Amino acid sequence: LIKLVCRILKKSMQRGNADVGVIQFLGSFVRITLYVLLVFFIAS
């Protein structure tokens, strides 16, 4: 699901003509944040 969300986010920013660096940076940030939340959810 995280990969799917990151893929959708990437395509949305590409359609919005966002800078490639912005796409890569936000993609990394969102992916790490979602993985942290997933680990907390599993730990609970």
PDB file of all heavy atoms in Angstrom:
ATOM      1  N   LEU A   1       0.835  -1.209   0.000  1.00  0.00           N
ATOM      2  CA  LEU A   1       0.000   0.000   0.000  1.00  0.00           C
ATOM      3  C   LEU A   1       0.870   1.259   0.000  1.00  0.00           C
ATOM      4  O   LEU A   1       0.540   2.251  -0.662  1.00  0.00           O
ATOM      5  CB  LEU A   1      -0.916  -0.006   1.227  1.00  0.00           C
ATOM      6  CG  LEU A   1      -2.046  -1.039   1.216  1.00  0.00           C
ATOM      7  CD1 LEU A   1      -2.815  -1.007   2.537  1.00  0.00           C
ATOM      8  CD2 LEU A   1      -2.993  -0.797   0.039  1.00  0.00           C
ATOM      9  N   ILE A   2       1.985   1.219   0.726  1.00  0.00           N
ATOM     10  CA  ILE A   2       2.901   2.369   0.745  1.00  0.00           C
ATOM     11  C   ILE A   2       3.467   2.607  -0.647  1.00  0.00           C
ATOM     12  O   ILE A   2       3.557   3.746  -1.122  1.00  0.00           O
ATOM     13  CB  ILE A   2       4.023   2.131   1.773  1.00  0.00           C
ATOM     14  CG1 ILE A   2       3.465   2.202   3.191  1.00  0.00           C
ATOM     15  CG2 ILE A   2       5.140   3.165   1.595  1.00  0.00           C
ATOM     16  CD1 ILE A   2       4.457   1.835   4.269  1.00  0.00           C
ATOM     17  N   LYS A   3       3.854   1.522  -1.336  1.00  0.00           N
ATOM     18  CA  LYS A   3       4.360   1.665  -2.712  1.00  0.00           C
ATOM     19  C   LYS A   3       3.293   2.262  -3.615  1.00  0.00           C
ATOM     20  O   LYS A   3       3.587   3.108  -4.469  1.00  0.00           O
ATOM     21  CB  LYS A   3       4.803   0.305  -3.243  1.00  0.00           C
ATOM     22  CG  LYS A   3       6.061  -0.239  -2.597  1.00  0.00           C
ATOM     23  CD  LYS A   3       6.451  -1.583  -3.205  1.00  0.00           C
ATOM     24  CE  LYS A   3       7.713  -2.133  -2.552  1.00  0.00           C
ATOM     25  NZ  LYS A   3       8.083  -3.455  -3.127  1.00  0.00           N
ATOM     26  N   LEU A   4       2.045   1.821  -3.423  1.00  0.00           N
ATOM     27  CA  LEU A   4       0.950   2.343  -4.237  1.00  0.00           C
ATOM     28  C   LEU A   4       0.740   3.833  -3.969  1.00  0.00           C
ATOM     29  O   LEU A   4       0.572   4.622  -4.916  1.00  0.00           O
ATOM     30  CB  LEU A   4      -0.337   1.558  -3.932  1.00  0.00           C
ATOM     31  CG  LEU A   4      -1.598   2.012  -4.681  1.00  0.00           C
ATOM     32  CD1 LEU A   4      -1.396   1.857  -6.183  1.00  0.00           C
ATOM     33  CD2 LEU A   4      -2.803   1.212  -4.217  1.00  0.00           C
ATOM     34  N   VAL A   5       0.751   4.217  -2.683  1.00  0.00           N
ATOM     35  CA  VAL A   5       0.572   5.634  -2.340  1.00  0.00           C
ATOM     36  C   VAL A   5       1.701   6.472  -2.927  1.00  0.00           C
ATOM     37  O   VAL A   5       1.465   7.550  -3.499  1.00  0.00           O
ATOM     38  CB  VAL A   5       0.501   5.800  -0.808  1.00  0.00           C
ATOM     39  CG1 VAL A   5       0.558   7.276  -0.428  1.00  0.00           C
ATOM     40  CG2 VAL A   5      -0.765   5.168  -0.258  1.00  0.00           C
ATOM     41  N   CYS A   6       2.936   5.999  -2.807  1.00  0.00           N
ATOM     42  CA  CYS A   6       4.087   6.736  -3.348  1.00  0.00           C
ATOM     43  C   CYS A   6       4.000   6.848  -4.864  1.00  0.00           C
ATOM     44  O   CYS A   6       4.347   7.883  -5.450  1.00  0.00           O
ATOM     45  CB  CYS A   6       5.395   6.051  -2.937  1.00  0.00           C
ATOM     46  SG  CYS A   6       5.760   6.155  -1.168  1.00  0.00           S
ATOM     47  N   ARG A   7       3.516   5.773  -5.524  1.00  0.00           N
ATOM     48  CA  ARG A   7       3.382   5.796  -6.980  1.00  0.00           C
ATOM     49  C   ARG A   7       2.315   6.807  -7.407  1.00  0.00           C
ATOM     50  O   ARG A   7       2.512   7.571  -8.359  1.00  0.00           O
ATOM     51  CB  ARG A   7       3.035   4.400  -7.479  1.00  0.00           C
ATOM     52  CG  ARG A   7       3.161   4.242  -8.996  1.00  0.00           C
ATOM     53  CD  ARG A   7       2.856   2.825  -9.439  1.00  0.00           C
ATOM     54  NE  ARG A   7       3.725   1.870  -8.785  1.00  0.00           N
ATOM     55  CZ  ARG A   7       3.305   0.918  -7.973  1.00  0.00           C
ATOM     56  NH1 ARG A   7       2.007   0.804  -7.696  1.00  0.00           N
ATOM     57  NH2 ARG A   7       4.156   0.073  -7.422  1.00  0.00           N
ATOM     58  N   ILE A   8       1.192   6.816  -6.684  1.00  0.00           N
ATOM     59  CA  ILE A   8       0.127   7.774  -7.004  1.00  0.00           C
ATOM     60  C   ILE A   8       0.605   9.208  -6.772  1.00  0.00           C
ATOM     61  O   ILE A   8       0.346  10.109  -7.582  1.00  0.00           O
ATOM     62  CB  ILE A   8      -1.122   7.473  -6.145  1.00  0.00           C
ATOM     63  CG1 ILE A   8      -1.724   6.118  -6.539  1.00  0.00           C
ATOM     64  CG2 ILE A   8      -2.160   8.586  -6.307  1.00  0.00           C
ATOM     65  CD1 ILE A   8      -2.864   5.683  -5.652  1.00  0.00           C
ATOM     66  N   LEU A   9       1.330   9.425  -5.657  1.00  0.00           N
ATOM     67  CA  LEU A   9       1.861  10.755  -5.354  1.00  0.00           C
ATOM     68  C   LEU A   9       2.837  11.209  -6.436  1.00  0.00           C
ATOM     69  O   LEU A   9       2.792  12.362  -6.875  1.00  0.00           O
ATOM     70  CB  LEU A   9       2.549  10.729  -3.985  1.00  0.00           C
ATOM     71  CG  LEU A   9       3.220  12.031  -3.541  1.00  0.00           C
ATOM     72  CD1 LEU A   9       2.171  13.124  -3.368  1.00  0.00           C
ATOM     73  CD2 LEU A   9       3.995  11.812  -2.241  1.00  0.00           C
ATOM     74  N   LYS A  10       3.699  10.290  -6.878  1.00  0.00           N
ATOM     75  CA  LYS A  10       4.678  10.626  -7.910  1.00  0.00           C
ATOM     76  C   LYS A  10       3.994  11.012  -9.216  1.00  0.00           C
ATOM     77  O   LYS A  10       4.342  12.019  -9.841  1.00  0.00           O
ATOM     78  CB  LYS A  10       5.617   9.440  -8.130  1.00  0.00           C
ATOM     79  CG  LYS A  10       6.680   9.679  -9.189  1.00  0.00           C
ATOM     80  CD  LYS A  10       7.588   8.464  -9.339  1.00  0.00           C
ATOM     81  CE  LYS A  10       8.641   8.699 -10.403  1.00  0.00           C
ATOM     82  NZ  LYS A  10       9.529   7.508 -10.562  1.00  0.00           N
ATOM     83  N   LYS A  11       2.996  10.218  -9.626  1.00  0.00           N
ATOM     84  CA  LYS A  11       2.298  10.520 -10.878  1.00  0.00           C
ATOM     85  C   LYS A  11       1.525  11.831 -10.777  1.00  0.00           C
ATOM     86  O   LYS A  11       1.464  12.600 -11.752  1.00  0.00           O
ATOM     87  CB  LYS A  11       1.351   9.369 -11.232  1.00  0.00           C
ATOM     88  CG  LYS A  11       2.074   8.091 -11.646  1.00  0.00           C
ATOM     89  CD  LYS A  11       1.093   7.003 -12.045  1.00  0.00           C
ATOM     90  CE  LYS A  11       1.817   5.749 -12.499  1.00  0.00           C
ATOM     91  NZ  LYS A  11       0.876   4.669 -12.882  1.00  0.00           N
ATOM     92  N   SER A  12       0.951  12.095  -9.600  1.00  0.00           N
ATOM     93  CA  SER A  12       0.211  13.350  -9.422  1.00  0.00           C
ATOM     94  C   SER A  12       1.132  14.548  -9.549  1.00  0.00           C
ATOM     95  O   SER A  12       0.792  15.546 -10.206  1.00  0.00           O
ATOM     96  CB  SER A  12      -0.478  13.356  -8.049  1.00  0.00           C
ATOM     97  OG  SER A  12      -1.405  12.297  -7.944  1.00  0.00           O
ATOM     98  N   MET A  13       2.314  14.466  -8.934  1.00  0.00           N
ATOM     99  CA  MET A  13       3.263  15.582  -9.018  1.00  0.00           C
ATOM    100  C   MET A  13       3.838  15.718 -10.424  1.00  0.00           C
ATOM    101  O   MET A  13       4.121  16.829 -10.881  1.00  0.00           O
ATOM    102  CB  MET A  13       4.381  15.396  -7.989  1.00  0.00           C
ATOM    103  CG  MET A  13       3.923  15.605  -6.553  1.00  0.00           C
ATOM    104  SD  MET A  13       5.273  15.674  -5.357  1.00  0.00           S
ATOM    105  CE  MET A  13       5.883  13.990  -5.447  1.00  0.00           C
ATOM    106  N   GLN A  14       4.005  14.582 -11.122  1.00  0.00           N
ATOM    107  CA  GLN A  14       4.487  14.649 -12.505  1.00  0.00           C
ATOM    108  C   GLN A  14       3.463  15.338 -13.401  1.00  0.00           C
ATOM    109  O   GLN A  14       3.829  16.118 -14.282  1.00  0.00           O
ATOM    110  CB  GLN A  14       4.802  13.248 -13.014  1.00  0.00           C
ATOM    111  CG  GLN A  14       6.076  12.657 -12.440  1.00  0.00           C
ATOM    112  CD  GLN A  14       6.303  11.227 -12.893  1.00  0.00           C
ATOM    113  OE1 GLN A  14       5.385  10.540 -13.328  1.00  0.00           O
ATOM    114  NE2 GLN A  14       7.544  10.768 -12.794  1.00  0.00           N
ATOM    115  N   ARG A  15       2.181  15.032 -13.166  1.00  0.00           N
ATOM    116  CA  ARG A  15       1.136  15.709 -13.952  1.00  0.00           C
ATOM    117  C   ARG A  15       1.094  17.195 -13.622  1.00  0.00           C
ATOM    118  O   ARG A  15       0.703  18.002 -14.470  1.00  0.00           O
ATOM    119  CB  ARG A  15      -0.221  15.056 -13.678  1.00  0.00           C
ATOM    120  CG  ARG A  15      -0.410  13.714 -14.366  1.00  0.00           C
ATOM    121  CD  ARG A  15      -1.874  13.320 -14.373  1.00  0.00           C
ATOM    122  NE  ARG A  15      -2.376  13.121 -13.022  1.00  0.00           N
ATOM    123  CZ  ARG A  15      -2.399  11.935 -12.398  1.00  0.00           C
ATOM    124  NH1 ARG A  15      -1.941  10.861 -13.017  1.00  0.00           N
ATOM    125  NH2 ARG A  15      -2.885  11.837 -11.170  1.00  0.00           N
ATOM    126  N   GLY A  16       1.474  17.550 -12.416  1.00  0.00           N
ATOM    127  CA  GLY A  16       1.512  18.956 -12.027  1.00  0.00           C
ATOM    128  C   GLY A  16       2.805  19.644 -12.415  1.00  0.00           C
ATOM    129  O   GLY A  16       3.048  20.780 -11.999  1.00  0.00           O
ATOM    130  N   ASN A  17       3.671  18.948 -13.196  1.00  0.00           N
ATOM    131  CA  ASN A  17       4.950  19.494 -13.668  1.00  0.00           C
ATOM    132  C   ASN A  17       5.853  19.925 -12.510  1.00  0.00           C
ATOM    133  O   ASN A  17       6.558  20.943 -12.589  1.00  0.00           O
ATOM    134  CB  ASN A  17       4.719  20.686 -14.611  1.00  0.00           C
ATOM    135  CG  ASN A  17       4.020  20.286 -15.893  1.00  0.00           C
ATOM    136  OD1 ASN A  17       4.267  19.201 -16.431  1.00  0.00           O
ATOM    137  ND2 ASN A  17       3.132  21.129 -16.388  1.00  0.00           N
ATOM    138  N   ALA A  18       5.836  19.157 -11.429  1.00  0.00           N
ATOM    139  CA  ALA A  18       6.726  19.442 -10.306  1.00  0.00           C
ATOM    140  C   ALA A  18       8.151  19.101 -10.676  1.00  0.00           C
ATOM    141  O   ALA A  18       8.413  18.256 -11.543  1.00  0.00           O
ATOM    142  CB  ALA A  18       6.289  18.648  -9.073  1.00  0.00           C
ATOM    143  N   ASP A  19       9.098  19.781 -10.030  1.00  0.00           N
ATOM    144  CA  ASP A  19      10.515  19.524 -10.283  1.00  0.00           C
ATOM    145  C   ASP A  19      10.859  18.092  -9.892  1.00  0.00           C
ATOM    146  O   ASP A  19      10.327  17.554  -8.914  1.00  0.00           O
ATOM    147  CB  ASP A  19      11.370  20.520  -9.485  1.00  0.00           C
ATOM    148  CG  ASP A  19      12.841  20.383  -9.815  1.00  0.00           C
ATOM    149  OD1 ASP A  19      13.258  20.890 -10.865  1.00  0.00           O
ATOM    150  OD2 ASP A  19      13.574  19.778  -9.007  1.00  0.00           O
ATOM    151  N   VAL A  20      11.774  17.473 -10.646  1.00  0.00           N
ATOM    152  CA  VAL A  20      12.146  16.081 -10.375  1.00  0.00           C
ATOM    153  C   VAL A  20      12.724  15.938  -8.975  1.00  0.00           C
ATOM    154  O   VAL A  20      12.447  14.968  -8.261  1.00  0.00           O
ATOM    155  CB  VAL A  20      13.161  15.589 -11.430  1.00  0.00           C
ATOM    156  CG1 VAL A  20      13.595  14.158 -11.117  1.00  0.00           C
ATOM    157  CG2 VAL A  20      12.555  15.658 -12.823  1.00  0.00           C
ATOM    158  N   GLY A  21      13.538  16.911  -8.553  1.00  0.00           N
ATOM    159  CA  GLY A  21      14.110  16.856  -7.207  1.00  0.00           C
ATOM    160  C   GLY A  21      13.047  16.900  -6.134  1.00  0.00           C
ATOM    161  O   GLY A  21      13.141  16.194  -5.114  1.00  0.00           O
ATOM    162  N   VAL A  22      12.011  17.713  -6.325  1.00  0.00           N
ATOM    163  CA  VAL A  22      10.903  17.789  -5.358  1.00  0.00           C
ATOM    164  C   VAL A  22      10.170  16.454  -5.289  1.00  0.00           C
ATOM    165  O   VAL A  22       9.818  15.968  -4.210  1.00  0.00           O
ATOM    166  CB  VAL A  22       9.931  18.919  -5.740  1.00  0.00           C
ATOM    167  CG1 VAL A  22       8.723  18.919  -4.825  1.00  0.00           C
ATOM    168  CG2 VAL A  22      10.631  20.266  -5.703  1.00  0.00           C
ATOM    169  N   ILE A  23       9.956  15.842  -6.441  1.00  0.00           N
ATOM    170  CA  ILE A  23       9.270  14.549  -6.486  1.00  0.00           C
ATOM    171  C   ILE A  23      10.071  13.493  -5.722  1.00  0.00           C
ATOM    172  O   ILE A  23       9.524  12.727  -4.917  1.00  0.00           O
ATOM    173  CB  ILE A  23       9.054  14.105  -7.945  1.00  0.00           C
ATOM    174  CG1 ILE A  23       8.098  15.078  -8.664  1.00  0.00           C
ATOM    175  CG2 ILE A  23       8.508  12.683  -8.006  1.00  0.00           C
ATOM    176  CD1 ILE A  23       7.921  14.785 -10.132  1.00  0.00           C
ATOM    177  N   GLN A  24      11.388  13.461  -5.946  1.00  0.00           N
ATOM    178  CA  GLN A  24      12.223  12.472  -5.274  1.00  0.00           C
ATOM    179  C   GLN A  24      12.277  12.715  -3.767  1.00  0.00           C
ATOM    180  O   GLN A  24      12.184  11.781  -2.969  1.00  0.00           O
ATOM    181  CB  GLN A  24      13.634  12.500  -5.869  1.00  0.00           C
ATOM    182  CG  GLN A  24      13.696  12.032  -7.310  1.00  0.00           C
ATOM    183  CD  GLN A  24      15.069  12.205  -7.913  1.00  0.00           C
ATOM    184  OE1 GLN A  24      15.917  12.892  -7.351  1.00  0.00           O
ATOM    185  NE2 GLN A  24      15.303  11.602  -9.060  1.00  0.00           N
ATOM    186  N   PHE A  25      12.414  13.986  -3.373  1.00  0.00           N
ATOM    187  CA  PHE A  25      12.521  14.313  -1.952  1.00  0.00           C
ATOM    188  C   PHE A  25      11.232  13.966  -1.217  1.00  0.00           C
ATOM    189  O   PHE A  25      11.250  13.297  -0.176  1.00  0.00           O
ATOM    190  CB  PHE A  25      12.851  15.792  -1.789  1.00  0.00           C
ATOM    191  CG  PHE A  25      13.063  16.221  -0.358  1.00  0.00           C
ATOM    192  CD1 PHE A  25      14.308  16.110   0.227  1.00  0.00           C
ATOM    193  CD2 PHE A  25      12.013  16.719   0.396  1.00  0.00           C
ATOM    194  CE1 PHE A  25      14.512  16.489   1.535  1.00  0.00           C
ATOM    195  CE2 PHE A  25      12.199  17.101   1.707  1.00  0.00           C
ATOM    196  CZ  PHE A  25      13.454  16.993   2.277  1.00  0.00           C
ATOM    197  N   LEU A  26      10.088  14.435  -1.735  1.00  0.00           N
ATOM    198  CA  LEU A  26       8.816  14.163  -1.079  1.00  0.00           C
ATOM    199  C   LEU A  26       8.494  12.669  -1.097  1.00  0.00           C
ATOM    200  O   LEU A  26       7.912  12.143  -0.142  1.00  0.00           O
ATOM    201  CB  LEU A  26       7.697  14.950  -1.760  1.00  0.00           C
ATOM    202  CG  LEU A  26       7.716  16.470  -1.538  1.00  0.00           C
ATOM    203  CD1 LEU A  26       6.541  17.119  -2.253  1.00  0.00           C
ATOM    204  CD2 LEU A  26       7.678  16.799  -0.051  1.00  0.00           C
ATOM    205  N   GLY A  27       8.891  11.994  -2.177  1.00  0.00           N
ATOM    206  CA  GLY A  27       8.671  10.553  -2.235  1.00  0.00           C
ATOM    207  C   GLY A  27       9.414   9.830  -1.123  1.00  0.00           C
ATOM    208  O   GLY A  27       8.856   8.949  -0.459  1.00  0.00           O
ATOM    209  N   SER A  28      10.679  10.220  -0.892  1.00  0.00           N
ATOM    210  CA  SER A  28      11.458   9.608   0.189  1.00  0.00           C
ATOM    211  C   SER A  28      10.857   9.926   1.553  1.00  0.00           C
ATOM    212  O   SER A  28      10.747   9.060   2.425  1.00  0.00           O
ATOM    213  CB  SER A  28      12.908  10.112   0.132  1.00  0.00           C
ATOM    214  OG  SER A  28      13.520   9.774  -1.086  1.00  0.00           O
ATOM    215  N   PHE A  29      10.435  11.185   1.739  1.00  0.00           N
ATOM    216  CA  PHE A  29       9.876  11.608   3.030  1.00  0.00           C
ATOM    217  C   PHE A  29       8.577  10.869   3.335  1.00  0.00           C
ATOM    218  O   PHE A  29       8.386  10.346   4.442  1.00  0.00           O
ATOM    219  CB  PHE A  29       9.639  13.113   3.013  1.00  0.00           C
ATOM    220  CG  PHE A  29       9.038  13.647   4.286  1.00  0.00           C
ATOM    221  CD1 PHE A  29       9.809  13.793   5.422  1.00  0.00           C
ATOM    222  CD2 PHE A  29       7.693  13.988   4.340  1.00  0.00           C
ATOM    223  CE1 PHE A  29       9.258  14.274   6.601  1.00  0.00           C
ATOM    224  CE2 PHE A  29       7.132  14.470   5.502  1.00  0.00           C
ATOM    225  CZ  PHE A  29       7.922  14.613   6.641  1.00  0.00           C
ATOM    226  N   VAL A  30       7.688  10.801   2.370  1.00  0.00           N
ATOM    227  CA  VAL A  30       6.399  10.120   2.575  1.00  0.00           C
ATOM    228  C   VAL A  30       6.616   8.634   2.814  1.00  0.00           C
ATOM    229  O   VAL A  30       5.975   8.030   3.688  1.00  0.00           O
ATOM    230  CB  VAL A  30       5.475  10.356   1.359  1.00  0.00           C
ATOM    231  CG1 VAL A  30       4.236   9.470   1.443  1.00  0.00           C
ATOM    232  CG2 VAL A  30       5.073  11.817   1.271  1.00  0.00           C
ATOM    233  N   ARG A  31       7.527   8.014   2.063  1.00  0.00           N
ATOM    234  CA  ARG A  31       7.771   6.579   2.223  1.00  0.00           C
ATOM    235  C   ARG A  31       8.285   6.260   3.627  1.00  0.00           C
ATOM    236  O   ARG A  31       7.802   5.326   4.294  1.00  0.00           O
ATOM    237  CB  ARG A  31       8.767   6.100   1.176  1.00  0.00           C
ATOM    238  CG  ARG A  31       9.018   4.595   1.222  1.00  0.00           C
ATOM    239  CD  ARG A  31       9.858   4.121   0.057  1.00  0.00           C
ATOM    240  NE  ARG A  31      11.171   4.741   0.055  1.00  0.00           N
ATOM    241  CZ  ARG A  31      11.540   5.692  -0.803  1.00  0.00           C
ATOM    242  NH1 ARG A  31      10.694   6.143  -1.707  1.00  0.00           N
ATOM    243  NH2 ARG A  31      12.753   6.196  -0.755  1.00  0.00           N
ATOM    244  N   ILE A  32       9.268   7.037   4.110  1.00  0.00           N
ATOM    245  CA  ILE A  32       9.824   6.790   5.449  1.00  0.00           C
ATOM    246  C   ILE A  32       8.773   7.017   6.528  1.00  0.00           C
ATOM    247  O   ILE A  32       8.640   6.230   7.475  1.00  0.00           O
ATOM    248  CB  ILE A  32      11.052   7.693   5.673  1.00  0.00           C
ATOM    249  CG1 ILE A  32      12.202   7.268   4.746  1.00  0.00           C
ATOM    250  CG2 ILE A  32      11.505   7.638   7.132  1.00  0.00           C
ATOM    251  CD1 ILE A  32      13.399   8.174   4.808  1.00  0.00           C
ATOM    252  N   THR A  33       7.988   8.095   6.384  1.00  0.00           N
ATOM    253  CA  THR A  33       6.946   8.389   7.373  1.00  0.00           C
ATOM    254  C   THR A  33       5.913   7.274   7.446  1.00  0.00           C
ATOM    255  O   THR A  33       5.510   6.838   8.540  1.00  0.00           O
ATOM    256  CB  THR A  33       6.255   9.720   7.031  1.00  0.00           C
ATOM    257  OG1 THR A  33       7.230  10.774   6.989  1.00  0.00           O
ATOM    258  CG2 THR A  33       5.202  10.066   8.067  1.00  0.00           C
ATOM    259  N   LEU A  34       5.478   6.792   6.298  1.00  0.00           N
ATOM    260  CA  LEU A  34       4.469   5.729   6.283  1.00  0.00           C
ATOM    261  C   LEU A  34       5.016   4.423   6.855  1.00  0.00           C
ATOM    262  O   LEU A  34       4.281   3.688   7.542  1.00  0.00           O
ATOM    263  CB  LEU A  34       3.971   5.510   4.845  1.00  0.00           C
ATOM    264  CG  LEU A  34       3.128   6.645   4.250  1.00  0.00           C
ATOM    265  CD1 LEU A  34       2.727   6.322   2.824  1.00  0.00           C
ATOM    266  CD2 LEU A  34       1.877   6.900   5.103  1.00  0.00           C
ATOM    267  N   TYR A  35       6.284   4.124   6.611  1.00  0.00           N
ATOM    268  CA  TYR A  35       6.870   2.917   7.181  1.00  0.00           C
ATOM    269  C   TYR A  35       6.955   3.014   8.709  1.00  0.00           C
ATOM    270  O   TYR A  35       6.746   2.025   9.420  1.00  0.00           O
ATOM    271  CB  TYR A  35       8.255   2.652   6.590  1.00  0.00           C
ATOM    272  CG  TYR A  35       8.219   1.782   5.358  1.00  0.00           C
ATOM    273  CD1 TYR A  35       8.539   2.285   4.108  1.00  0.00           C
ATOM    274  CD2 TYR A  35       7.876   0.428   5.448  1.00  0.00           C
ATOM    275  CE1 TYR A  35       8.492   1.487   2.974  1.00  0.00           C
ATOM    276  CE2 TYR A  35       7.838  -0.385   4.323  1.00  0.00           C
ATOM    277  CZ  TYR A  35       8.149   0.150   3.087  1.00  0.00           C
ATOM    278  OH  TYR A  35       8.107  -0.646   1.973  1.00  0.00           O
ATOM    279  N   VAL A  36       7.284   4.208   9.226  1.00  0.00           N
ATOM    280  CA  VAL A  36       7.325   4.396  10.679  1.00  0.00           C
ATOM    281  C   VAL A  36       5.942   4.177  11.281  1.00  0.00           C
ATOM    282  O   VAL A  36       5.777   3.488  12.299  1.00  0.00           O
ATOM    283  CB  VAL A  36       7.858   5.796  11.028  1.00  0.00           C
ATOM    284  CG1 VAL A  36       7.686   6.084  12.520  1.00  0.00           C
ATOM    285  CG2 VAL A  36       9.326   5.923  10.643  1.00  0.00           C
ATOM    286  N   LEU A  37       4.914   4.735  10.651  1.00  0.00           N
ATOM    287  CA  LEU A  37       3.543   4.543  11.135  1.00  0.00           C
ATOM    288  C   LEU A  37       3.131   3.074  11.055  1.00  0.00           C
ATOM    289  O   LEU A  37       2.435   2.557  11.950  1.00  0.00           O
ATOM    290  CB  LEU A  37       2.578   5.407  10.311  1.00  0.00           C
ATOM    291  CG  LEU A  37       2.733   6.928  10.470  1.00  0.00           C
ATOM    292  CD1 LEU A  37       1.776   7.652   9.528  1.00  0.00           C
ATOM    293  CD2 LEU A  37       2.484   7.342  11.909  1.00  0.00           C
ATOM    294  N   LEU A  38       3.556   2.392  10.008  1.00  0.00           N
ATOM    295  CA  LEU A  38       3.229   0.972   9.869  1.00  0.00           C
ATOM    296  C   LEU A  38       3.862   0.155  10.985  1.00  0.00           C
ATOM    297  O   LEU A  38       3.214  -0.739  11.564  1.00  0.00           O
ATOM    298  CB  LEU A  38       3.703   0.468   8.502  1.00  0.00           C
ATOM    299  CG  LEU A  38       3.522  -1.030   8.215  1.00  0.00           C
ATOM    300  CD1 LEU A  38       2.042  -1.398   8.263  1.00  0.00           C
ATOM    301  CD2 LEU A  38       4.128  -1.394   6.862  1.00  0.00           C
ATOM    302  N   VAL A  39       5.124   0.457  11.312  1.00  0.00           N
ATOM    303  CA  VAL A  39       5.806  -0.277  12.387  1.00  0.00           C
ATOM    304  C   VAL A  39       5.104  -0.029  13.727  1.00  0.00           C
ATOM    305  O   VAL A  39       4.917  -0.959  14.525  1.00  0.00           O
ATOM    306  CB  VAL A  39       7.291   0.136  12.452  1.00  0.00           C
ATOM    307  CG1 VAL A  39       7.951  -0.431  13.703  1.00  0.00           C
ATOM    308  CG2 VAL A  39       8.029  -0.349  11.211  1.00  0.00           C
ATOM    309  N   PHE A  40       4.697   1.219  13.993  1.00  0.00           N
ATOM    310  CA  PHE A  40       3.976   1.515  15.227  1.00  0.00           C
ATOM    311  C   PHE A  40       2.644   0.764  15.273  1.00  0.00           C
ATOM    312  O   PHE A  40       2.228   0.265  16.326  1.00  0.00           O
ATOM    313  CB  PHE A  40       3.725   3.019  15.358  1.00  0.00           C
ATOM    314  CG  PHE A  40       4.824   3.744  16.083  1.00  0.00           C
ATOM    315  CD1 PHE A  40       5.744   4.501  15.387  1.00  0.00           C
ATOM    316  CD2 PHE A  40       4.939   3.667  17.462  1.00  0.00           C
ATOM    317  CE1 PHE A  40       6.759   5.161  16.047  1.00  0.00           C
ATOM    318  CE2 PHE A  40       5.942   4.336  18.135  1.00  0.00           C
ATOM    319  CZ  PHE A  40       6.869   5.086  17.428  1.00  0.00           C
ATOM    320  N   PHE A  41       1.973   0.681  14.142  1.00  0.00           N
ATOM    321  CA  PHE A  41       0.689  -0.023  14.086  1.00  0.00           C
ATOM    322  C   PHE A  41       0.868  -1.505  14.383  1.00  0.00           C
ATOM    323  O   PHE A  41       0.088  -2.107  15.139  1.00  0.00           O
ATOM    324  CB  PHE A  41       0.058   0.172  12.713  1.00  0.00           C
ATOM    325  CG  PHE A  41      -1.225  -0.586  12.511  1.00  0.00           C
ATOM    326  CD1 PHE A  41      -2.411  -0.135  13.085  1.00  0.00           C
ATOM    327  CD2 PHE A  41      -1.247  -1.748  11.757  1.00  0.00           C
ATOM    328  CE1 PHE A  41      -3.593  -0.840  12.913  1.00  0.00           C
ATOM    329  CE2 PHE A  41      -2.420  -2.455  11.572  1.00  0.00           C
ATOM    330  CZ  PHE A  41      -3.596  -1.997  12.153  1.00  0.00           C
ATOM    331  N   ILE A  42       1.910  -2.106  13.810  1.00  0.00           N
ATOM    332  CA  ILE A  42       2.168  -3.523  14.048  1.00  0.00           C
ATOM    333  C   ILE A  42       2.580  -3.747  15.501  1.00  0.00           C
ATOM    334  O   ILE A  42       2.160  -4.714  16.156  1.00  0.00           O
ATOM    335  CB  ILE A  42       3.259  -4.036  13.091  1.00  0.00           C
ATOM    336  CG1 ILE A  42       2.748  -3.990  11.646  1.00  0.00           C
ATOM    337  CG2 ILE A  42       3.693  -5.442  13.453  1.00  0.00           C
ATOM    338  CD1 ILE A  42       3.784  -4.349  10.614  1.00  0.00           C
ATOM    339  N   ALA A  43       3.415  -2.820  16.025  1.00  0.00           N
ATOM    340  CA  ALA A  43       3.871  -2.965  17.413  1.00  0.00           C
ATOM    341  C   ALA A  43       2.707  -2.895  18.391  1.00  0.00           C
ATOM    342  O   ALA A  43       2.708  -3.557  19.438  1.00  0.00           O
ATOM    343  CB  ALA A  43       4.904  -1.891  17.734  1.00  0.00           C
ATOM    344  N   SER A  44       1.700  -2.088  18.067  1.00  0.00           N
ATOM    345  CA  SER A  44       0.536  -1.983  18.951  1.00  0.00           C
ATOM    346  C   SER A  44      -0.208  -3.312  19.057  1.00  0.00           C
ATOM    347  O   SER A  44      -0.875  -3.596  20.055  1.00  0.00           O
ATOM    348  CB  SER A  44      -0.410  -0.886  18.461  1.00  0.00           C
ATOM    349  OG  SER A  44      -0.953  -1.222  17.183  1.00  0.00           O
TER     350      SER A  44
END
